[in-house]
C-alpha atoms as a PDB file:
ATOM      1  CA  MET A   1      32.739  32.811  -2.828  1.00  0.00           C
ATOM      2  CA  LYS A   2      29.406  32.728  -1.095  1.00  0.00           C
ATOM      3  CA  GLN A   3      28.130  29.338  -0.137  1.00  0.00           C
ATOM      4  CA  ALA A   4      24.601  28.359  -1.332  1.00  0.00           C
ATOM      5  CA  THR A   5      22.077  27.736   1.353  1.00  0.00           C
ATOM      6  CA  TYR A   6      18.996  25.573   1.076  1.00  0.00           C
ATOM      7  CA  PRO A   7      16.171  26.421   3.374  1.00  0.00           C
ATOM      8  CA  PHE A   8      14.789  22.987   3.482  1.00  0.00           C
ATOM      9  CA  TYR A   9      18.146  21.795   4.999  1.00  0.00           C
ATOM     10  CA  GLU A  10      18.217  24.401   7.796  1.00  0.00           C
ATOM     11  CA  MET A  11      17.458  22.997  11.210  1.00  0.00           C
ATOM     12  CA  SER A  12      14.764  25.342  12.073  1.00  0.00           C
ATOM     13  CA  THR A  13      12.875  24.455   8.949  1.00  0.00           C
ATOM     14  CA  VAL A  14      13.227  20.752   9.583  1.00  0.00           C
ATOM     15  CA  GLN A  15      12.073  21.109  13.240  1.00  0.00           C
ATOM     16  CA  ASP A  16       9.086  23.243  12.172  1.00  0.00           C
ATOM     17  CA  SER A  17       7.972  20.738   9.411  1.00  0.00           C
ATOM     18  CA  PHE A  18       8.629  17.488  11.411  1.00  0.00           C
ATOM     19  CA  PRO A  19       5.195  17.404  13.132  1.00  0.00           C
ATOM     20  CA  GLY A  20       3.385  17.940   9.817  1.00  0.00           C
ATOM     21  CA  VAL A  21       5.480  15.264   8.088  1.00  0.00           C
ATOM     22  CA  VAL A  22       4.629  12.804  10.892  1.00  0.00           C
ATOM     23  CA  LYS A  23       0.844  13.692  10.864  1.00  0.00           C
ATOM     24  CA  HIS A  24       0.819  13.350   7.007  1.00  0.00           C
ATOM     25  CA  SER A  25       2.591   9.955   7.159  1.00  0.00           C
ATOM     26  CA  LEU A  26       0.283   8.609   9.829  1.00  0.00           C
ATOM     27  CA  ALA A  27      -2.730   9.876   7.941  1.00  0.00           C
ATOM     28  CA  ARG A  28      -1.634   8.006   4.848  1.00  0.00           C
ATOM     29  CA  VAL A  29      -0.994   4.877   6.771  1.00  0.00           C
ATOM     30  CA  PHE A  30      -4.435   4.929   8.433  1.00  0.00           C
ATOM     31  CA  ASN A  31      -6.100   5.709   5.095  1.00  0.00           C
ATOM     32  CA  ILE A  32      -4.375   2.709   3.329  1.00  0.00           C
ATOM     33  CA  LEU A  33      -5.144   0.111   6.171  1.00  0.00           C
ATOM     34  CA  PRO A  34      -8.779  -0.628   5.144  1.00  0.00           C
ATOM     35  CA  THR A  35      -7.500  -1.163   1.455  1.00  0.00           C
ATOM     36  CA  TRP A  36      -4.808  -3.472   2.587  1.00  0.00           C
ATOM     37  CA  TYR A  37      -7.353  -5.358   4.824  1.00  0.00           C
ATOM     38  CA  ARG A  38      -9.859  -5.731   2.032  1.00  0.00           C
ATOM     39  CA  ARG A  39      -7.109  -6.946  -0.368  1.00  0.00           C
ATOM     40  CA  LYS A  40      -6.043  -9.613   2.125  1.00  0.00           C
ATOM     41  CA  ALA A  41      -9.603 -10.704   2.856  1.00  0.00           C
ATOM     42  CA  ASP A  42     -10.481 -10.804  -1.035  1.00  0.00           C
ATOM     43  CA  ARG A  43      -7.400 -13.074  -1.615  1.00  0.00           C
ATOM     44  CA  ILE A  44      -8.201 -15.453   1.093  1.00  0.00           C
ATOM     45  CA  ARG A  45     -11.795 -15.835  -0.178  1.00  0.00           C
ATOM     46  CA  LEU A  46     -10.394 -16.168  -3.812  1.00  0.00           C
ATOM     47  CA  SER A  47      -7.916 -18.884  -2.522  1.00  0.00           C
ATOM     48  CA  GLU A  48     -11.052 -20.809  -1.066  1.00  0.00           C
ATOM     49  CA  LEU A  49     -12.970 -20.903  -4.497  1.00  0.00           C
ATOM     50  CA  SER A  50     -13.551 -24.223  -5.983  1.00  0.00           C
ATOM     51  CA  PRO A  51     -12.003 -24.829  -9.439  1.00  0.00           C
ATOM     52  CA  ARG A  52     -15.596 -24.627 -10.951  1.00  0.00           C
ATOM     53  CA  LEU A  53     -16.396 -21.193  -9.464  1.00  0.00           C
ATOM     54  CA  ARG A  54     -12.958 -19.963 -10.534  1.00  0.00           C
ATOM     55  CA  LEU A  55     -13.543 -21.031 -14.056  1.00  0.00           C
ATOM     56  CA  ASP A  56     -17.005 -19.430 -13.999  1.00  0.00           C
ATOM     57  CA  ALA A  57     -15.337 -16.139 -12.943  1.00  0.00           C
ATOM     58  CA  GLY A  58     -13.117 -16.446 -16.034  1.00  0.00           C
ATOM     59  CA  MET A  59      -9.768 -17.018 -14.262  1.00  0.00           C
ATOM     60  CA  THR A  60      -7.197 -19.566 -15.424  1.00  0.00           C
ATOM     61  CA  GLU A  61      -5.339 -21.454 -12.656  1.00  0.00           C
ATOM     62  CA  THR A  62      -2.182 -19.396 -13.397  1.00  0.00           C
ATOM     63  CA  GLN A  63      -4.107 -16.149 -13.016  1.00  0.00           C
ATOM     64  CA  TRP A  64      -5.799 -17.416  -9.873  1.00  0.00           C
ATOM     65  CA  PHE A  65      -2.334 -18.552  -8.309  1.00  0.00           C
ATOM     66  CA  ASN A  66      -0.649 -15.227  -9.201  1.00  0.00           C
ATOM     67  CA  GLU A  67      -3.499 -13.296  -7.670  1.00  0.00           C
ATOM     68  CA  ILE A  68      -3.664 -15.226  -4.402  1.00  0.00           C
ATOM     69  CA  SER A  69       0.208 -15.140  -4.112  1.00  0.00           C
ATOM     70  CA  LYS A  70       0.414 -11.314  -4.165  1.00  0.00           C
ATOM     71  CA  PRO A  71       1.203  -9.625  -0.794  1.00  0.00           C
ATOM     72  CA  PHE A  72      -1.572  -7.404   0.606  1.00  0.00           C
ATOM     73  CA  TRP A  73       0.218  -4.151  -0.480  1.00  0.00           C
ATOM     74  CA  ARG A  74       0.317  -4.949  -4.129  1.00  0.00           C
ATOM     75  CA  LYS A  75      -2.652  -4.198  -6.450  1.00  0.00           C
END
Protein backbone atom coordinates (compact mmCIF):
# COMPACT_ATOMS: atom_id res chain seq x y z
CA MET A 1 0.00 0.00 0.00
CA LYS A 2 1.36 3.40 -1.00
CA GLN A 3 1.67 5.93 1.82
CA ALA A 4 -0.01 9.27 1.22
CA THR A 5 2.25 12.29 1.19
CA TYR A 6 1.28 15.80 2.02
CA PRO A 7 3.44 18.44 0.37
CA PHE A 8 2.90 20.96 3.16
CA TYR A 9 4.64 18.60 5.57
CA GLU A 10 7.70 18.04 3.40
CA MET A 11 10.79 19.70 4.79
CA SER A 12 11.69 21.59 1.62
CA THR A 13 8.25 23.20 1.49
CA VAL A 14 8.41 24.19 5.15
CA GLN A 15 11.86 25.72 4.71
CA ASP A 16 10.78 27.61 1.59
CA SER A 17 7.66 29.05 3.20
CA PHE A 18 9.18 29.90 6.59
CA PRO A 19 10.50 33.35 5.65
CA GLY A 20 7.12 34.25 4.14
CA VAL A 21 5.30 33.12 7.27
CA VAL A 22 7.61 35.15 9.48
CA LYS A 23 7.23 38.26 7.30
CA HIS A 24 3.46 37.87 7.26
CA SER A 25 3.33 37.39 11.04
CA LEU A 26 5.52 40.41 11.70
CA ALA A 27 3.47 42.51 9.32
CA ARG A 28 0.28 41.55 11.17
CA VAL A 29 1.83 42.46 14.52
CA PHE A 30 3.10 45.83 13.26
CA ASN A 31 -0.29 46.57 11.70
CA ILE A 32 -2.19 45.81 14.92
CA LEU A 33 0.13 47.75 17.27
CA PRO A 34 -1.44 51.18 16.58
CA THR A 35 -4.90 49.72 17.21
CA TRP A 36 -3.80 48.25 20.52
CA TYR A 37 -2.16 51.53 21.53
CA ARG A 38 -5.31 53.50 20.65
CA ARG A 39 -7.53 51.11 22.63
CA LYS A 40 -5.28 51.38 25.69
CA ALA A 41 -5.15 55.17 25.47
CA ASP A 42 -8.93 55.41 24.97
CA ARG A 43 -9.58 53.21 28.00
CA ILE A 44 -7.23 55.27 30.13
CA ARG A 45 -9.04 58.46 29.10
CA LEU A 46 -12.39 56.78 29.70
CA SER A 47 -11.30 55.73 33.20
CA GLU A 48 -10.55 59.38 33.99
CA LEU A 49 -14.05 60.63 33.07
CA SER A 50 -16.11 62.16 35.82
CA PRO A 51 -19.43 60.43 36.61
CA ARG A 52 -21.30 63.38 35.09
CA LEU A 53 -19.46 63.15 31.76
CA ARG A 54 -19.87 59.39 31.76
CA LEU A 55 -23.64 59.79 32.16
CA ASP A 56 -23.66 62.44 29.42
CA ALA A 57 -22.01 59.87 27.15
CA GLY A 58 -24.85 57.48 27.98
CA MET A 59 -22.79 54.90 29.86
CA THR A 60 -23.94 53.21 33.01
CA GLU A 61 -21.38 52.54 35.72
CA THR A 62 -21.42 48.83 34.82
CA GLN A 63 -20.79 49.53 31.12
CA TRP A 64 -18.03 51.95 32.04
CA PHE A 65 -16.35 49.48 34.38
CA ASN A 66 -16.61 46.64 31.85
CA GLU A 67 -15.03 48.80 29.15
CA ILE A 68 -12.11 50.09 31.22
CA SER A 69 -11.43 46.56 32.55
CA LYS A 70 -10.88 45.07 29.09
CA PRO A 71 -7.33 44.26 28.06
CA PHE A 72 -6.02 46.25 25.08
CA TRP A 73 -6.28 43.32 22.67
CA ARG A 74 -10.06 42.96 23.11
CA LYS A 75 -12.57 45.05 21.17
